[in-house]
Amino acid sequence: MRWSRRATSAQALAQRCRIVLGCAEGKSNRQVAAELGIWPQTVGKWRRRFLESRLDRLADEPRPGARPEPAARRVGPAALPTPRQ
């Protein structure tokens, strides 16, 4: 269920761009947040990141922890069906 509510990377990047464009028009964090239906703190976060590093910081950053393994690697050879002769 958690994954169904999570934005894809493309959607998240598009929202960040809308935030930055709203800020570039001189709107406050509250105004941009109200227009986009998000929290003002979120607008502040992306405004700050953009001012610090421009477009470089708008992309997703690597997440902590180990990367998930593909399902084929988790299933060992003993779990795969063998052909009958």
PDB file of N, CA and C in Angstrom:
ATOM      1  N   MET A   1       0.822  -1.190   0.000  1.00  0.00           N
ATOM      2  CA  MET A   1       0.000   0.000   0.000  1.00  0.00           C
ATOM      3  C   MET A   1       0.867   1.254   0.000  1.00  0.00           C
ATOM      4  N   ARG A   2       1.963   1.213   0.717  1.00  0.00           N
ATOM      5  CA  ARG A   2       2.839   2.369   0.813  1.00  0.00           C
ATOM      6  C   ARG A   2       3.332   2.797  -0.565  1.00  0.00           C
ATOM      7  N   TRP A   3       3.682   1.845  -1.417  1.00  0.00           N
ATOM      8  CA  TRP A   3       4.228   2.170  -2.727  1.00  0.00           C
ATOM      9  C   TRP A   3       3.187   2.808  -3.643  1.00  0.00           C
ATOM     10  N   SER A   4       1.923   2.479  -3.447  1.00  0.00           N
ATOM     11  CA  SER A   4       0.897   3.033  -4.319  1.00  0.00           C
ATOM     12  C   SER A   4       0.741   4.535  -4.108  1.00  0.00           C
ATOM     13  N   ARG A   5       1.117   5.036  -2.943  1.00  0.00           N
ATOM     14  CA  ARG A   5       0.976   6.459  -2.650  1.00  0.00           C
ATOM     15  C   ARG A   5       2.246   7.246  -2.960  1.00  0.00           C
ATOM     16  N   ARG A   6       3.333   6.550  -3.232  1.00  0.00           N
ATOM     17  CA  ARG A   6       4.602   7.217  -3.466  1.00  0.00           C
ATOM     18  C   ARG A   6       4.680   7.731  -4.903  1.00  0.00           C
ATOM     19  N   ALA A   7       5.124   8.950  -5.061  1.00  0.00           N
ATOM     20  CA  ALA A   7       5.274   9.528  -6.393  1.00  0.00           C
ATOM     21  C   ALA A   7       6.452   8.886  -7.111  1.00  0.00           C
ATOM     22  N   THR A   8       6.331   8.760  -8.418  1.00  0.00           N
ATOM     23  CA  THR A   8       7.462   8.259  -9.186  1.00  0.00           C
ATOM     24  C   THR A   8       8.513   9.356  -9.252  1.00  0.00           C
ATOM     25  N   SER A   9       9.693   8.974  -9.660  1.00  0.00           N
ATOM     26  CA  SER A   9      10.776   9.959  -9.751  1.00  0.00           C
ATOM     27  C   SER A   9      10.418  11.090 -10.708  1.00  0.00           C
ATOM     28  N   ALA A  10       9.774  10.755 -11.825  1.00  0.00           N
ATOM     29  CA  ALA A  10       9.415  11.784 -12.803  1.00  0.00           C
ATOM     30  C   ALA A  10       8.372  12.739 -12.220  1.00  0.00           C
ATOM     31  N   GLN A  11       7.410  12.201 -11.494  1.00  0.00           N
ATOM     32  CA  GLN A  11       6.390  13.061 -10.881  1.00  0.00           C
ATOM     33  C   GLN A  11       7.005  13.952  -9.806  1.00  0.00           C
ATOM     34  N   ALA A  12       7.903  13.377  -9.033  1.00  0.00           N
ATOM     35  CA  ALA A  12       8.551  14.149  -7.966  1.00  0.00           C
ATOM     36  C   ALA A  12       9.396  15.272  -8.557  1.00  0.00           C
ATOM     37  N   LEU A  13      10.129  14.973  -9.614  1.00  0.00           N
ATOM     38  CA  LEU A  13      10.961  15.993 -10.255  1.00  0.00           C
ATOM     39  C   LEU A  13      10.086  17.097 -10.853  1.00  0.00           C
ATOM     40  N   ALA A  14       8.970  16.728 -11.453  1.00  0.00           N
ATOM     41  CA  ALA A  14       8.061  17.728 -12.027  1.00  0.00           C
ATOM     42  C   ALA A  14       7.513  18.636 -10.923  1.00  0.00           C
ATOM     43  N   GLN A  15       7.178  18.053  -9.770  1.00  0.00           N
ATOM     44  CA  GLN A  15       6.668  18.867  -8.673  1.00  0.00           C
ATOM     45  C   GLN A  15       7.755  19.823  -8.161  1.00  0.00           C
ATOM     46  N   ARG A  16       8.972  19.336  -8.067  1.00  0.00           N
ATOM     47  CA  ARG A  16      10.069  20.200  -7.619  1.00  0.00           C
ATOM     48  C   ARG A  16      10.268  21.363  -8.581  1.00  0.00           C
ATOM     49  N   CYS A  17      10.130  21.093  -9.864  1.00  0.00           N
ATOM     50  CA  CYS A  17      10.262  22.159 -10.858  1.00  0.00           C
ATOM     51  C   CYS A  17       9.135  23.174 -10.713  1.00  0.00           C
ATOM     52  N   ARG A  18       7.914  22.708 -10.442  1.00  0.00           N
ATOM     53  CA  ARG A  18       6.795  23.633 -10.216  1.00  0.00           C
ATOM     54  C   ARG A  18       7.048  24.488  -8.978  1.00  0.00           C
ATOM     55  N   ILE A  19       7.641  23.877  -7.961  1.00  0.00           N
ATOM     56  CA  ILE A  19       7.973  24.630  -6.743  1.00  0.00           C
ATOM     57  C   ILE A  19       8.966  25.736  -7.067  1.00  0.00           C
ATOM     58  N   VAL A  20      10.029  25.401  -7.762  1.00  0.00           N
ATOM     59  CA  VAL A  20      11.072  26.379  -8.091  1.00  0.00           C
ATOM     60  C   VAL A  20      10.513  27.483  -8.982  1.00  0.00           C
ATOM     61  N   LEU A  21       9.671  27.116  -9.955  1.00  0.00           N
ATOM     62  CA  LEU A  21       9.094  28.137 -10.831  1.00  0.00           C
ATOM     63  C   LEU A  21       8.168  29.071 -10.054  1.00  0.00           C
ATOM     64  N   GLY A  22       7.413  28.526  -9.124  1.00  0.00           N
ATOM     65  CA  GLY A  22       6.555  29.370  -8.286  1.00  0.00           C
ATOM     66  C   GLY A  22       7.372  30.325  -7.444  1.00  0.00           C
ATOM     67  N   CYS A  23       8.470  29.834  -6.913  1.00  0.00           N
ATOM     68  CA  CYS A  23       9.356  30.696  -6.109  1.00  0.00           C
ATOM     69  C   CYS A  23      10.004  31.776  -6.981  1.00  0.00           C
ATOM     70  N   ALA A  24      10.337  31.413  -8.223  1.00  0.00           N
ATOM     71  CA  ALA A  24      10.963  32.377  -9.131  1.00  0.00           C
ATOM     72  C   ALA A  24      10.006  33.511  -9.493  1.00  0.00           C
ATOM     73  N   GLU A  25       8.695  33.247  -9.383  1.00  0.00           N
ATOM     74  CA  GLU A  25       7.705  34.293  -9.652  1.00  0.00           C
ATOM     75  C   GLU A  25       7.549  35.244  -8.466  1.00  0.00           C
ATOM     76  N   GLY A  26       8.290  34.990  -7.389  1.00  0.00           N
ATOM     77  CA  GLY A  26       8.258  35.869  -6.228  1.00  0.00           C
ATOM     78  C   GLY A  26       7.216  35.492  -5.193  1.00  0.00           C
ATOM     79  N   LYS A  27       6.635  34.312  -5.323  1.00  0.00           N
ATOM     80  CA  LYS A  27       5.612  33.879  -4.364  1.00  0.00           C
ATOM     81  C   LYS A  27       6.266  33.386  -3.087  1.00  0.00           C
ATOM     82  N   SER A  28       5.534  33.470  -1.992  1.00  0.00           N
ATOM     83  CA  SER A  28       6.034  32.967  -0.708  1.00  0.00           C
ATOM     84  C   SER A  28       5.888  31.449  -0.669  1.00  0.00           C
ATOM     85  N   ASN A  29       6.543  30.820   0.301  1.00  0.00           N
ATOM     86  CA  ASN A  29       6.427  29.378   0.474  1.00  0.00           C
ATOM     87  C   ASN A  29       4.969  28.974   0.674  1.00  0.00           C
ATOM     88  N   ARG A  30       4.241  29.761   1.452  1.00  0.00           N
ATOM     89  CA  ARG A  30       2.828  29.453   1.717  1.00  0.00           C
ATOM     90  C   ARG A  30       1.979  29.549   0.458  1.00  0.00           C
ATOM     91  N   GLN A  31       2.239  30.548  -0.372  1.00  0.00           N
ATOM     92  CA  GLN A  31       1.478  30.693  -1.614  1.00  0.00           C
ATOM     93  C   GLN A  31       1.722  29.512  -2.545  1.00  0.00           C
ATOM     94  N   VAL A  32       2.991  29.161  -2.733  1.00  0.00           N
ATOM     95  CA  VAL A  32       3.330  28.036  -3.613  1.00  0.00           C
ATOM     96  C   VAL A  32       2.738  26.745  -3.062  1.00  0.00           C
ATOM     97  N   ALA A  33       2.848  26.552  -1.762  1.00  0.00           N
ATOM     98  CA  ALA A  33       2.316  25.340  -1.133  1.00  0.00           C
ATOM     99  C   ALA A  33       0.806  25.251  -1.315  1.00  0.00           C
ATOM    100  N   ALA A  34       0.106  26.348  -1.141  1.00  0.00           N
ATOM    101  CA  ALA A  34      -1.350  26.349  -1.300  1.00  0.00           C
ATOM    102  C   ALA A  34      -1.747  26.009  -2.734  1.00  0.00           C
ATOM    103  N   GLU A  35      -1.023  26.545  -3.697  1.00  0.00           N
ATOM    104  CA  GLU A  35      -1.321  26.280  -5.112  1.00  0.00           C
ATOM    105  C   GLU A  35      -1.083  24.816  -5.483  1.00  0.00           C
ATOM    106  N   LEU A  36      -0.044  24.220  -4.893  1.00  0.00           N
ATOM    107  CA  LEU A  36       0.326  22.849  -5.256  1.00  0.00           C
ATOM    108  C   LEU A  36      -0.257  21.794  -4.317  1.00  0.00           C
ATOM    109  N   GLY A  37      -0.868  22.242  -3.220  1.00  0.00           N
ATOM    110  CA  GLY A  37      -1.449  21.294  -2.276  1.00  0.00           C
ATOM    111  C   GLY A  37      -0.417  20.516  -1.479  1.00  0.00           C
ATOM    112  N   ILE A  38       0.682  21.193  -1.114  1.00  0.00           N
ATOM    113  CA  ILE A  38       1.750  20.556  -0.343  1.00  0.00           C
ATOM    114  C   ILE A  38       2.056  21.419   0.880  1.00  0.00           C
ATOM    115  N   TRP A  39       2.924  20.942   1.749  1.00  0.00           N
ATOM    116  CA  TRP A  39       3.304  21.666   2.961  1.00  0.00           C
ATOM    117  C   TRP A  39       4.285  22.791   2.632  1.00  0.00           C
ATOM    118  N   PRO A  40       4.176  23.930   3.308  1.00  0.00           N
ATOM    119  CA  PRO A  40       5.139  25.024   3.111  1.00  0.00           C
ATOM    120  C   PRO A  40       6.577  24.594   3.423  1.00  0.00           C
ATOM    121  N   GLN A  41       6.750  23.656   4.360  1.00  0.00           N
ATOM    122  CA  GLN A  41       8.094  23.181   4.682  1.00  0.00           C
ATOM    123  C   GLN A  41       8.721  22.484   3.475  1.00  0.00           C
ATOM    124  N   THR A  42       7.897  21.793   2.691  1.00  0.00           N
ATOM    125  CA  THR A  42       8.397  21.121   1.494  1.00  0.00           C
ATOM    126  C   THR A  42       8.878  22.157   0.482  1.00  0.00           C
ATOM    127  N   VAL A  43       8.130  23.227   0.336  1.00  0.00           N
ATOM    128  CA  VAL A  43       8.532  24.302  -0.580  1.00  0.00           C
ATOM    129  C   VAL A  43       9.850  24.906  -0.105  1.00  0.00           C
ATOM    130  N   GLY A  44       9.955  25.153   1.193  1.00  0.00           N
ATOM    131  CA  GLY A  44      11.192  25.717   1.737  1.00  0.00           C
ATOM    132  C   GLY A  44      12.398  24.824   1.503  1.00  0.00           C
ATOM    133  N   LYS A  45      12.184  23.530   1.664  1.00  0.00           N
ATOM    134  CA  LYS A  45      13.273  22.564   1.457  1.00  0.00           C
ATOM    135  C   LYS A  45      13.799  22.638   0.030  1.00  0.00           C
ATOM    136  N   TRP A  46      12.886  22.626  -0.953  1.00  0.00           N
ATOM    137  CA  TRP A  46      13.330  22.619  -2.347  1.00  0.00           C
ATOM    138  C   TRP A  46      13.803  23.990  -2.792  1.00  0.00           C
ATOM    139  N   ARG A  47      13.255  25.055  -2.238  1.00  0.00           N
ATOM    140  CA  ARG A  47      13.761  26.400  -2.537  1.00  0.00           C
ATOM    141  C   ARG A  47      15.214  26.505  -2.075  1.00  0.00           C
ATOM    142  N   ARG A  48      15.473  26.057  -0.847  1.00  0.00           N
ATOM    143  CA  ARG A  48      16.824  26.116  -0.282  1.00  0.00           C
ATOM    144  C   ARG A  48      17.807  25.274  -1.103  1.00  0.00           C
ATOM    145  N   ARG A  49      17.397  24.054  -1.439  1.00  0.00           N
ATOM    146  CA  ARG A  49      18.293  23.197  -2.230  1.00  0.00           C
ATOM    147  C   ARG A  49      18.604  23.810  -3.585  1.00  0.00           C
ATOM    148  N   PHE A  50      17.598  24.414  -4.215  1.00  0.00           N
ATOM    149  CA  PHE A  50      17.828  25.038  -5.513  1.00  0.00           C
ATOM    150  C   PHE A  50      18.781  26.221  -5.386  1.00  0.00           C
ATOM    151  N   LEU A  51      18.602  27.025  -4.358  1.00  0.00           N
ATOM    152  CA  LEU A  51      19.482  28.180  -4.177  1.00  0.00           C
ATOM    153  C   LEU A  51      20.919  27.752  -3.887  1.00  0.00           C
ATOM    154  N   GLU A  52      21.082  26.626  -3.192  1.00  0.00           N
ATOM    155  CA  GLU A  52      22.433  26.148  -2.864  1.00  0.00           C
ATOM    156  C   GLU A  52      23.153  25.572  -4.073  1.00  0.00           C
ATOM    157  N   SER A  53      22.462  24.787  -4.892  1.00  0.00           N
ATOM    158  CA  SER A  53      23.151  24.048  -5.954  1.00  0.00           C
ATOM    159  C   SER A  53      22.451  24.085  -7.302  1.00  0.00           C
ATOM    160  N   ARG A  54      21.485  24.927  -7.458  1.00  0.00           N
ATOM    161  CA  ARG A  54      20.707  25.036  -8.699  1.00  0.00           C
ATOM    162  C   ARG A  54      20.101  23.687  -9.078  1.00  0.00           C
ATOM    163  N   LEU A  55      20.132  23.321 -10.323  1.00  0.00           N
ATOM    164  CA  LEU A  55      19.438  22.116 -10.783  1.00  0.00           C
ATOM    165  C   LEU A  55      20.055  20.813 -10.285  1.00  0.00           C
ATOM    166  N   ASP A  56      21.318  20.857  -9.880  1.00  0.00           N
ATOM    167  CA  ASP A  56      21.995  19.629  -9.433  1.00  0.00           C
ATOM    168  C   ASP A  56      21.298  18.970  -8.249  1.00  0.00           C
ATOM    169  N   ARG A  57      20.682  19.732  -7.379  1.00  0.00           N
ATOM    170  CA  ARG A  57      20.064  19.165  -6.162  1.00  0.00           C
ATOM    171  C   ARG A  57      18.588  18.823  -6.327  1.00  0.00           C
ATOM    172  N   LEU A  58      18.002  19.090  -7.496  1.00  0.00           N
ATOM    173  CA  LEU A  58      16.589  18.779  -7.673  1.00  0.00           C
ATOM    174  C   LEU A  58      16.350  17.299  -7.960  1.00  0.00           C
ATOM    175  N   ALA A  59      17.370  16.584  -8.392  1.00  0.00           N
ATOM    176  CA  ALA A  59      17.222  15.156  -8.671  1.00  0.00           C
ATOM    177  C   ALA A  59      17.177  14.370  -7.361  1.00  0.00           C
ATOM    178  N   ASP A  60      16.662  13.159  -7.436  1.00  0.00           N
ATOM    179  CA  ASP A  60      16.611  12.304  -6.251  1.00  0.00           C
ATOM    180  C   ASP A  60      18.020  11.982  -5.782  1.00  0.00           C
ATOM    181  N   GLU A  61      18.208  12.044  -4.478  1.00  0.00           N
ATOM    182  CA  GLU A  61      19.491  11.658  -3.898  1.00  0.00           C
ATOM    183  C   GLU A  61      19.453  10.173  -3.571  1.00  0.00           C
ATOM    184  N   PRO A  62      20.606   9.516  -3.556  1.00  0.00           N
ATOM    185  CA  PRO A  62      20.618   8.094  -3.193  1.00  0.00           C
ATOM    186  C   PRO A  62      20.060   7.890  -1.783  1.00  0.00           C
ATOM    187  N   ARG A  63      19.322   6.841  -1.611  1.00  0.00           N
ATOM    188  CA  ARG A  63      18.726   6.545  -0.314  1.00  0.00           C
ATOM    189  C   ARG A  63      19.673   5.653   0.486  1.00  0.00           C
ATOM    190  N   PRO A  64      19.654   5.781   1.817  1.00  0.00           N
ATOM    191  CA  PRO A  64      20.541   4.959   2.635  1.00  0.00           C
ATOM    192  C   PRO A  64      20.105   3.494   2.631  1.00  0.00           C
ATOM    193  N   GLY A  65      21.044   2.632   2.965  1.00  0.00           N
ATOM    194  CA  GLY A  65      20.735   1.205   3.069  1.00  0.00           C
ATOM    195  C   GLY A  65      21.119   0.446   1.819  1.00  0.00           C
ATOM    196  N   ALA A  66      21.004  -0.854   1.926  1.00  0.00           N
ATOM    197  CA  ALA A  66      21.349  -1.717   0.810  1.00  0.00           C
ATOM    198  C   ALA A  66      20.270  -1.632  -0.266  1.00  0.00           C
ATOM    199  N   ARG A  67      20.692  -1.750  -1.497  1.00  0.00           N
ATOM    200  CA  ARG A  67      19.753  -1.753  -2.604  1.00  0.00           C
ATOM    201  C   ARG A  67      19.038  -3.094  -2.632  1.00  0.00           C
ATOM    202  N   PRO A  68      17.772  -3.127  -2.970  1.00  0.00           N
ATOM    203  CA  PRO A  68      17.055  -4.394  -3.007  1.00  0.00           C
ATOM    204  C   PRO A  68      17.585  -5.290  -4.123  1.00  0.00           C
ATOM    205  N   GLU A  69      17.628  -6.579  -3.839  1.00  0.00           N
ATOM    206  CA  GLU A  69      18.080  -7.541  -4.845  1.00  0.00           C
ATOM    207  C   GLU A  69      16.920  -7.938  -5.733  1.00  0.00           C
ATOM    208  N   PRO A  70      17.196  -8.216  -7.005  1.00  0.00           N
ATOM    209  CA  PRO A  70      16.132  -8.729  -7.866  1.00  0.00           C
ATOM    210  C   PRO A  70      15.620 -10.065  -7.327  1.00  0.00           C
ATOM    211  N   ALA A  71      14.385 -10.378  -7.574  1.00  0.00           N
ATOM    212  CA  ALA A  71      13.771 -11.598  -7.057  1.00  0.00           C
ATOM    213  C   ALA A  71      14.508 -12.844  -7.545  1.00  0.00           C
ATOM    214  N   ALA A  72      15.033 -12.809  -8.750  1.00  0.00           N
ATOM    215  CA  ALA A  72      15.730 -13.983  -9.291  1.00  0.00           C
ATOM    216  C   ALA A  72      16.967 -14.323  -8.471  1.00  0.00           C
ATOM    217  N   ARG A  73      17.610 -13.331  -7.898  1.00  0.00           N
ATOM    218  CA  ARG A  73      18.804 -13.601  -7.086  1.00  0.00           C
ATOM    219  C   ARG A  73      18.448 -14.148  -5.717  1.00  0.00           C
ATOM    220  N   ARG A  74      17.315 -13.716  -5.157  1.00  0.00           N
ATOM    221  CA  ARG A  74      16.922 -14.171  -3.834  1.00  0.00           C
ATOM    222  C   ARG A  74      16.509 -15.635  -3.844  1.00  0.00           C
ATOM    223  N   VAL A  75      15.969 -16.088  -4.939  1.00  0.00           N
ATOM    224  CA  VAL A  75      15.527 -17.475  -5.036  1.00  0.00           C
ATOM    225  C   VAL A  75      16.719 -18.307  -5.466  1.00  0.00           C
ATOM    226  N   GLY A  76      17.108 -19.220  -4.618  1.00  0.00           N
ATOM    227  CA  GLY A  76      18.253 -20.067  -4.929  1.00  0.00           C
ATOM    228  C   GLY A  76      17.894 -21.151  -5.923  1.00  0.00           C
ATOM    229  N   PRO A  77      18.900 -21.826  -6.467  1.00  0.00           N
ATOM    230  CA  PRO A  77      18.643 -22.865  -7.464  1.00  0.00           C
ATOM    231  C   PRO A  77      17.812 -24.025  -6.901  1.00  0.00           C
ATOM    232  N   ALA A  78      17.868 -24.279  -5.598  1.00  0.00           N
ATOM    233  CA  ALA A  78      17.100 -25.385  -5.035  1.00  0.00           C
ATOM    234  C   ALA A  78      15.609 -25.086  -5.069  1.00  0.00           C
ATOM    235  N   ALA A  79      15.251 -23.823  -5.128  1.00  0.00           N
ATOM    236  CA  ALA A  79      13.837 -23.467  -5.114  1.00  0.00           C
ATOM    237  C   ALA A  79      13.213 -23.503  -6.519  1.00  0.00           C
ATOM    238  N   LEU A  80      14.044 -23.601  -7.555  1.00  0.00           N
ATOM    239  CA  LEU A  80      13.532 -23.612  -8.909  1.00  0.00           C
ATOM    240  C   LEU A  80      13.074 -25.030  -9.267  1.00  0.00           C
ATOM    241  N   PRO A  81      11.991 -25.148 -10.019  1.00  0.00           N
ATOM    242  CA  PRO A  81      11.535 -26.488 -10.396  1.00  0.00           C
ATOM    243  C   PRO A  81      12.519 -27.138 -11.367  1.00  0.00           C
ATOM    244  N   THR A  82      12.679 -28.425 -11.241  1.00  0.00           N
ATOM    245  CA  THR A  82      13.566 -29.164 -12.146  1.00  0.00           C
ATOM    246  C   THR A  82      12.720 -29.942 -13.136  1.00  0.00           C
ATOM    247  N   PRO A  83      13.195 -30.066 -14.368  1.00  0.00           N
ATOM    248  CA  PRO A  83      12.425 -30.822 -15.377  1.00  0.00           C
ATOM    249  C   PRO A  83      12.401 -32.322 -15.030  1.00  0.00           C
ATOM    250  N   ARG A  84      11.294 -32.960 -15.250  1.00  0.00           N
ATOM    251  CA  ARG A  84      11.180 -34.397 -15.000  1.00  0.00           C
ATOM    252  C   ARG A  84      11.521 -35.154 -16.257  1.00  0.00           C
ATOM    253  N   GLN A  85      12.167 -36.267 -16.073  1.00  0.00           N
ATOM    254  CA  GLN A  85      12.544 -37.072 -17.251  1.00  0.00           C
ATOM    255  C   GLN A  85      11.812 -38.358 -17.290  1.00  0.00           C
TER     256      GLN A  85
END
